[in-house]
Amino acid sequence: MPDLETQIMKILNEYAEEIQTSTDEIAKKLAKAGAKQINANAASTFGGRGKYARSWTVTEEKSRTGNNVTIHSTMPGLPHLLENGHASRYGGRVSGRTHIAPVEEELVTKFQKEVIDVIQ
């Protein structure tokens, strides 16, 4: 009976490692595609391929529970202001231009679908 327990644990650990590896690969692939898509959205929404459009990048961090992949702009605070709007210099308000939220929703849906496919 102890041998059966160790064999089952070995199989489960291999399965968990395989899923973790596949999930990390999916996250990296989707993050790179998402950064390119946000770059394109920013370029079309704000005109041209300026510094803001080129500022989108992907960062990977290793942790105990797996890899964390983050899509972010190298211009902190600016994406929030452009997405949600801000107060203008002369009073009043500048409306936000949604260019990040649609990409986020699409990436979450794709990630969930691909992880489910890997698990099955």
Protein backbone atom coordinates (compact mmCIF):
# COMPACT_ATOMS: atom_id res chain seq x y z
CA MET A 1 0.00 0.00 0.00
CA PRO A 2 2.79 2.56 0.69
CA ASP A 3 4.17 1.94 -2.80
CA LEU A 4 0.78 2.74 -4.34
CA GLU A 5 0.66 6.05 -2.47
CA THR A 6 4.11 7.11 -3.70
CA GLN A 7 3.25 6.14 -7.29
CA ILE A 8 0.04 8.18 -7.20
CA MET A 9 1.87 11.18 -5.73
CA LYS A 10 4.57 10.88 -8.40
CA ILE A 11 1.97 10.86 -11.19
CA LEU A 12 0.09 13.82 -9.69
CA ASN A 13 3.30 15.83 -9.28
CA GLU A 14 4.28 15.17 -12.90
CA TYR A 15 0.81 16.21 -14.04
CA ALA A 16 0.94 19.40 -11.96
CA GLU A 17 4.39 20.25 -13.33
CA GLU A 18 3.22 19.69 -16.90
CA ILE A 19 0.20 21.96 -16.38
CA GLN A 20 2.37 24.63 -14.73
CA THR A 21 4.82 24.60 -17.64
CA SER A 22 2.04 24.76 -20.21
CA THR A 23 0.29 27.56 -18.33
CA ASP A 24 3.51 29.59 -18.16
CA GLU A 25 4.05 29.18 -21.91
CA ILE A 26 0.45 30.22 -22.66
CA ALA A 27 0.79 33.29 -20.41
CA LYS A 28 4.02 34.39 -22.12
CA LYS A 29 2.59 33.92 -25.62
CA LEU A 30 -0.63 35.78 -24.84
CA ALA A 31 1.17 38.58 -23.00
CA LYS A 32 3.42 39.29 -25.97
CA ALA A 33 0.44 39.28 -28.31
CA GLY A 34 -1.50 41.51 -25.89
CA ALA A 35 1.32 44.05 -25.66
CA LYS A 36 1.44 44.25 -29.46
CA GLN A 37 -2.32 44.66 -29.61
CA ILE A 38 -2.34 47.45 -27.00
CA ASN A 39 0.52 49.07 -28.90
CA ALA A 40 -1.55 49.01 -32.08
CA ASN A 41 -4.67 50.27 -30.26
CA ALA A 42 -2.72 53.11 -28.68
CA ALA A 43 -1.19 54.05 -32.02
CA SER A 44 -4.56 54.14 -33.76
CA THR A 45 -6.41 55.79 -30.85
CA PHE A 46 -3.88 58.52 -30.15
CA GLY A 47 -2.47 58.96 -33.65
CA GLY A 48 0.88 57.76 -34.90
CA ARG A 49 3.45 55.57 -33.22
CA GLY A 50 4.65 57.90 -30.50
CA LYS A 51 6.41 57.22 -27.24
CA TYR A 52 3.23 56.11 -25.50
CA ALA A 53 2.39 53.49 -28.14
CA ARG A 54 5.95 52.13 -28.02
CA SER A 55 6.02 52.08 -24.21
CA TRP A 56 4.07 48.81 -23.82
CA THR A 57 6.20 45.88 -22.73
CA VAL A 58 6.02 42.48 -21.03
CA THR A 59 7.79 41.62 -17.78
CA GLU A 60 8.22 38.09 -16.42
CA GLU A 61 8.84 37.38 -12.73
CA LYS A 62 9.54 34.01 -11.19
CA SER A 63 7.78 33.09 -7.95
CA ARG A 64 7.20 30.01 -5.84
CA THR A 65 3.80 29.44 -7.39
CA GLY A 66 4.95 29.89 -10.99
CA ASN A 67 5.79 32.73 -13.33
CA ASN A 68 3.99 36.06 -13.27
CA VAL A 69 3.71 37.76 -16.63
CA THR A 70 2.72 41.43 -16.64
CA ILE A 71 1.89 43.72 -19.53
CA HIS A 72 2.68 47.31 -18.59
CA SER A 73 3.66 50.69 -19.91
CA THR A 74 7.01 52.21 -19.08
CA MET A 75 5.15 55.50 -18.52
CA PRO A 76 3.56 54.98 -15.09
CA GLY A 77 0.22 56.65 -14.52
CA LEU A 78 -0.33 57.71 -18.11
CA PRO A 79 -2.32 54.62 -19.19
CA HIS A 80 -4.74 55.17 -16.31
CA LEU A 81 -5.27 58.81 -17.25
CA LEU A 82 -5.76 58.06 -20.93
CA GLU A 83 -8.07 55.10 -20.29
CA ASN A 84 -10.24 56.76 -17.64
CA GLY A 85 -10.00 60.46 -18.44
CA HIS A 86 -8.58 63.27 -16.37
CA ALA A 87 -9.06 66.91 -15.38
CA SER A 88 -7.90 69.36 -18.00
CA ARG A 89 -5.52 72.22 -17.41
CA TYR A 90 -8.19 74.91 -17.77
CA GLY A 91 -10.94 73.25 -15.79
CA GLY A 92 -13.34 70.72 -17.12
CA ARG A 93 -12.64 67.16 -17.97
CA VAL A 94 -10.99 65.16 -20.74
CA SER A 95 -12.89 61.98 -21.56
CA GLY A 96 -11.04 58.69 -21.51
CA ARG A 97 -10.38 56.60 -24.58
CA THR A 98 -10.80 52.90 -23.93
CA HIS A 99 -7.88 51.05 -25.49
CA ILE A 100 -6.68 48.67 -22.75
CA ALA A 101 -9.89 47.10 -21.36
CA PRO A 102 -10.98 45.35 -24.59
CA VAL A 103 -7.56 43.73 -24.95
CA GLU A 104 -7.62 42.65 -21.30
CA GLU A 105 -11.03 41.01 -21.66
CA GLU A 106 -9.94 39.22 -24.82
CA LEU A 107 -6.72 37.95 -23.22
CA VAL A 108 -8.53 36.67 -20.12
CA THR A 109 -11.00 34.76 -22.28
CA LYS A 110 -8.24 33.28 -24.47
CA PHE A 111 -6.14 32.34 -21.43
CA GLN A 112 -9.03 30.56 -19.74
CA LYS A 113 -9.90 28.69 -22.93
CA GLU A 114 -6.33 27.57 -23.59
CA VAL A 115 -5.74 26.48 -19.97
CA ILE A 116 -8.94 24.43 -20.03
CA ASP A 117 -7.76 22.81 -23.28
CA VAL A 118 -4.42 21.93 -21.65
CA ILE A 119 -6.07 20.47 -18.55
CA GLN A 120 -8.40 18.30 -20.59
